[in-house]
Amino acid sequence: MEFIVSGFLLISNLFISENKEFFDQAIKEMKQGAEWHYVGQQSLDPTAKSIPGQICDNNNRCSEPYILWKLKMPIHSLQEDRANDR
């Protein structure tokens, strides 16, 4: 059992450290009011940090990377920012 827990912790730590830039940006934007929205399978947004999904078959042919969720600022928050800029 300890071996399983240790393996899980190791894999979790590797995942987080490999994607640190994404997590730092996501936390920053969530503190500013951004929320996660399911957007369905979409191409990557080159201006956004992401952890893309990608499906490969047994012959190592892979589809294009995609996202399913996107972090977005609520519309009312954006409207308030624009009003404050005036």
N, C-alpha and C. Protein backbone atom coordinates (compact mmCIF):
# COMPACT_ATOMS: atom_id res chain seq x y z
N MET A 1 0.83 -1.20 0.00
CA MET A 1 0.00 0.00 0.00
C MET A 1 0.87 1.26 0.00
N GLU A 2 1.94 1.26 0.78
CA GLU A 2 2.83 2.41 0.82
C GLU A 2 3.45 2.68 -0.54
N PHE A 3 3.73 1.61 -1.27
CA PHE A 3 4.31 1.74 -2.61
C PHE A 3 3.34 2.47 -3.54
N ILE A 4 2.06 2.15 -3.45
CA ILE A 4 1.05 2.79 -4.30
C ILE A 4 0.93 4.27 -3.96
N VAL A 5 0.88 4.59 -2.67
CA VAL A 5 0.78 5.98 -2.23
C VAL A 5 2.02 6.76 -2.66
N SER A 6 3.19 6.16 -2.48
CA SER A 6 4.44 6.82 -2.88
C SER A 6 4.46 7.07 -4.38
N GLY A 7 4.03 6.09 -5.16
CA GLY A 7 3.98 6.25 -6.62
C GLY A 7 3.02 7.35 -7.02
N PHE A 8 1.86 7.40 -6.39
CA PHE A 8 0.88 8.44 -6.68
C PHE A 8 1.44 9.82 -6.36
N LEU A 9 2.09 9.96 -5.21
CA LEU A 9 2.67 11.25 -4.82
C LEU A 9 3.78 11.67 -5.79
N LEU A 10 4.59 10.72 -6.20
CA LEU A 10 5.67 11.02 -7.14
C LEU A 10 5.11 11.50 -8.47
N ILE A 11 4.13 10.79 -9.01
CA ILE A 11 3.52 11.18 -10.29
C ILE A 11 2.83 12.53 -10.17
N SER A 12 2.12 12.75 -9.07
CA SER A 12 1.45 14.05 -8.86
C SER A 12 2.45 15.19 -8.82
N ASN A 13 3.54 15.00 -8.09
CA ASN A 13 4.56 16.05 -7.98
C ASN A 13 5.22 16.31 -9.33
N LEU A 14 5.48 15.27 -10.10
CA LEU A 14 6.07 15.45 -11.43
C LEU A 14 5.12 16.23 -12.34
N PHE A 15 3.83 15.89 -12.31
CA PHE A 15 2.84 16.57 -13.13
C PHE A 15 2.77 18.05 -12.77
N ILE A 16 2.72 18.35 -11.50
CA ILE A 16 2.62 19.75 -11.05
C ILE A 16 3.89 20.52 -11.40
N SER A 17 5.06 19.92 -11.18
CA SER A 17 6.30 20.64 -11.47
C SER A 17 6.48 20.85 -12.98
N GLU A 18 6.05 19.90 -13.80
CA GLU A 18 6.16 20.06 -15.26
C GLU A 18 5.21 21.13 -15.79
N ASN A 19 4.13 21.40 -15.05
CA ASN A 19 3.12 22.36 -15.50
C ASN A 19 3.00 23.56 -14.57
N LYS A 20 4.09 23.87 -13.87
CA LYS A 20 4.09 24.95 -12.87
C LYS A 20 3.63 26.28 -13.45
N GLU A 21 4.11 26.62 -14.64
CA GLU A 21 3.75 27.90 -15.26
C GLU A 21 2.24 27.99 -15.47
N PHE A 22 1.63 26.89 -15.92
CA PHE A 22 0.18 26.85 -16.11
C PHE A 22 -0.55 27.07 -14.79
N PHE A 23 -0.16 26.31 -13.75
CA PHE A 23 -0.84 26.42 -12.47
C PHE A 23 -0.66 27.80 -11.85
N ASP A 24 0.52 28.39 -11.95
CA ASP A 24 0.74 29.74 -11.42
C ASP A 24 -0.19 30.75 -12.11
N GLN A 25 -0.30 30.67 -13.44
CA GLN A 25 -1.15 31.59 -14.18
C GLN A 25 -2.63 31.36 -13.85
N ALA A 26 -3.04 30.09 -13.76
CA ALA A 26 -4.43 29.78 -13.44
C ALA A 26 -4.81 30.31 -12.06
N ILE A 27 -3.95 30.11 -11.08
CA ILE A 27 -4.23 30.59 -9.73
C ILE A 27 -4.33 32.12 -9.72
N LYS A 28 -3.42 32.79 -10.43
CA LYS A 28 -3.45 34.25 -10.51
C LYS A 28 -4.77 34.73 -11.11
N GLU A 29 -5.20 34.12 -12.22
CA GLU A 29 -6.44 34.55 -12.87
C GLU A 29 -7.67 34.21 -12.03
N MET A 30 -7.66 33.07 -11.32
CA MET A 30 -8.80 32.73 -10.47
C MET A 30 -8.92 33.71 -9.32
N LYS A 31 -7.80 34.19 -8.78
CA LYS A 31 -7.84 35.20 -7.72
C LYS A 31 -8.42 36.51 -8.23
N GLN A 32 -8.30 36.75 -9.55
CA GLN A 32 -8.86 37.96 -10.17
C GLN A 32 -10.32 37.77 -10.57
N GLY A 33 -10.87 36.57 -10.34
CA GLY A 33 -12.28 36.31 -10.61
C GLY A 33 -12.57 35.40 -11.78
N ALA A 34 -11.56 34.89 -12.47
CA ALA A 34 -11.80 34.00 -13.61
C ALA A 34 -12.41 32.69 -13.14
N GLU A 35 -13.21 32.09 -14.01
CA GLU A 35 -13.89 30.83 -13.70
C GLU A 35 -13.67 29.84 -14.83
N TRP A 36 -13.70 28.54 -14.49
CA TRP A 36 -13.54 27.49 -15.49
C TRP A 36 -14.84 27.27 -16.23
N HIS A 37 -14.75 27.16 -17.57
CA HIS A 37 -15.91 26.90 -18.42
C HIS A 37 -15.61 25.73 -19.34
N TYR A 38 -16.57 24.80 -19.43
CA TYR A 38 -16.42 23.69 -20.37
C TYR A 38 -16.68 24.25 -21.76
N VAL A 39 -15.73 24.09 -22.67
CA VAL A 39 -15.85 24.63 -24.03
C VAL A 39 -15.93 23.53 -25.08
N GLY A 40 -15.87 22.28 -24.65
CA GLY A 40 -15.84 21.18 -25.60
C GLY A 40 -14.47 21.08 -26.25
N GLN A 41 -14.30 20.13 -27.12
CA GLN A 41 -13.00 19.93 -27.76
C GLN A 41 -12.72 21.07 -28.72
N GLN A 42 -11.66 21.84 -28.43
CA GLN A 42 -11.27 22.98 -29.25
C GLN A 42 -9.76 22.97 -29.46
N SER A 43 -9.34 23.62 -30.54
CA SER A 43 -7.91 23.78 -30.79
C SER A 43 -7.30 24.62 -29.68
N LEU A 44 -5.99 24.51 -29.52
CA LEU A 44 -5.29 25.28 -28.49
C LEU A 44 -5.37 26.77 -28.79
N ASP A 45 -5.49 27.57 -27.74
CA ASP A 45 -5.44 29.02 -27.84
C ASP A 45 -3.97 29.41 -27.65
N PRO A 46 -3.33 29.97 -28.68
CA PRO A 46 -1.90 30.28 -28.56
C PRO A 46 -1.59 31.36 -27.52
N THR A 47 -2.60 32.11 -27.09
CA THR A 47 -2.36 33.18 -26.11
C THR A 47 -2.60 32.72 -24.68
N ALA A 48 -3.07 31.49 -24.50
CA ALA A 48 -3.41 31.01 -23.15
C ALA A 48 -2.53 29.84 -22.75
N LYS A 49 -2.21 29.79 -21.47
CA LYS A 49 -1.51 28.63 -20.93
C LYS A 49 -2.51 27.48 -20.88
N SER A 50 -2.06 26.27 -21.19
CA SER A 50 -2.98 25.14 -21.16
C SER A 50 -2.23 23.84 -20.94
N ILE A 51 -2.99 22.83 -20.54
CA ILE A 51 -2.49 21.46 -20.49
C ILE A 51 -3.34 20.71 -21.51
N PRO A 52 -2.82 20.55 -22.72
CA PRO A 52 -3.64 19.98 -23.79
C PRO A 52 -3.79 18.46 -23.69
N GLY A 53 -4.89 17.99 -24.27
CA GLY A 53 -5.10 16.57 -24.46
C GLY A 53 -4.70 16.22 -25.88
N GLN A 54 -4.38 14.96 -26.10
CA GLN A 54 -4.05 14.52 -27.44
C GLN A 54 -4.24 13.01 -27.49
N ILE A 55 -4.88 12.53 -28.55
CA ILE A 55 -5.14 11.11 -28.68
C ILE A 55 -4.23 10.54 -29.76
N CYS A 56 -3.56 9.43 -29.43
CA CYS A 56 -2.67 8.74 -30.37
C CYS A 56 -3.15 7.31 -30.53
N ASP A 57 -3.04 6.77 -31.76
CA ASP A 57 -3.44 5.38 -31.98
C ASP A 57 -2.26 4.44 -31.77
N ASN A 58 -2.46 3.17 -32.02
CA ASN A 58 -1.40 2.17 -31.81
C ASN A 58 -0.23 2.33 -32.76
N ASN A 59 -0.40 3.08 -33.86
CA ASN A 59 0.68 3.30 -34.83
C ASN A 59 1.39 4.63 -34.58
N ASN A 60 1.18 5.21 -33.40
CA ASN A 60 1.78 6.49 -33.01
C ASN A 60 1.36 7.65 -33.91
N ARG A 61 0.20 7.55 -34.54
CA ARG A 61 -0.37 8.70 -35.25
C ARG A 61 -1.23 9.44 -34.25
N CYS A 62 -0.97 10.74 -34.11
CA CYS A 62 -1.65 11.52 -33.09
C CYS A 62 -2.52 12.60 -33.72
N SER A 63 -3.64 12.86 -33.05
CA SER A 63 -4.51 13.97 -33.46
C SER A 63 -3.87 15.28 -33.01
N GLU A 64 -4.46 16.38 -33.43
CA GLU A 64 -3.98 17.69 -32.98
C GLU A 64 -4.28 17.84 -31.49
N PRO A 65 -3.42 18.53 -30.75
CA PRO A 65 -3.72 18.79 -29.34
C PRO A 65 -5.00 19.62 -29.20
N TYR A 66 -5.70 19.43 -28.10
CA TYR A 66 -6.97 20.13 -27.89
C TYR A 66 -7.15 20.45 -26.41
N ILE A 67 -8.13 21.32 -26.15
CA ILE A 67 -8.53 21.63 -24.77
C ILE A 67 -10.01 21.31 -24.63
N LEU A 68 -10.47 21.11 -23.40
CA LEU A 68 -11.89 20.91 -23.10
C LEU A 68 -12.42 21.99 -22.17
N TRP A 69 -11.55 22.57 -21.38
CA TRP A 69 -11.92 23.60 -20.39
C TRP A 69 -11.08 24.85 -20.63
N LYS A 70 -11.68 26.01 -20.36
CA LYS A 70 -10.96 27.27 -20.52
C LYS A 70 -11.29 28.18 -19.34
N LEU A 71 -10.29 28.87 -18.86
CA LEU A 71 -10.46 29.81 -17.75
C LEU A 71 -10.84 31.16 -18.34
N LYS A 72 -12.01 31.68 -17.92
CA LYS A 72 -12.51 32.94 -18.47
C LYS A 72 -12.96 33.87 -17.36
N MET A 73 -12.79 35.17 -17.61
CA MET A 73 -13.29 36.17 -16.68
C MET A 73 -14.81 36.28 -16.89
N PRO A 74 -15.58 36.42 -15.80
CA PRO A 74 -17.03 36.61 -15.95
C PRO A 74 -17.32 37.90 -16.71
N ILE A 75 -18.38 37.91 -17.49
CA ILE A 75 -18.74 39.07 -18.30
C ILE A 75 -18.96 40.30 -17.44
N HIS A 76 -19.65 40.16 -16.30
CA HIS A 76 -19.91 41.32 -15.45
C HIS A 76 -18.61 41.93 -14.93
N SER A 77 -17.62 41.10 -14.67
CA SER A 77 -16.32 41.60 -14.20
C SER A 77 -15.62 42.41 -15.28
N LEU A 78 -15.70 41.94 -16.53
CA LEU A 78 -15.10 42.67 -17.64
C LEU A 78 -15.80 44.01 -17.86
N GLN A 79 -17.12 44.02 -17.72
CA GLN A 79 -17.87 45.27 -17.89
C GLN A 79 -17.51 46.27 -16.80
N GLU A 80 -17.32 45.79 -15.57
CA GLU A 80 -16.93 46.68 -14.48
C GLU A 80 -15.56 47.27 -14.72
N ASP A 81 -14.63 46.45 -15.23
CA ASP A 81 -13.28 46.96 -15.54
C ASP A 81 -13.33 48.05 -16.59
N ARG A 82 -14.14 47.84 -17.62
CA ARG A 82 -14.25 48.85 -18.68
C ARG A 82 -14.85 50.14 -18.14
N ALA A 83 -15.84 50.03 -17.26
CA ALA A 83 -16.47 51.21 -16.69
C ALA A 83 -15.47 51.98 -15.81
N ASN A 84 -14.64 51.25 -15.09
CA ASN A 84 -13.63 51.88 -14.23
C ASN A 84 -12.54 52.56 -15.04
N ASP A 85 -12.30 52.10 -16.27
CA ASP A 85 -11.27 52.69 -17.12
C ASP A 85 -11.71 54.04 -17.68
N ARG A 86 -12.98 54.31 -17.66
CA ARG A 86 -13.49 55.58 -18.24
C ARG A 86 -13.26 56.75 -17.35
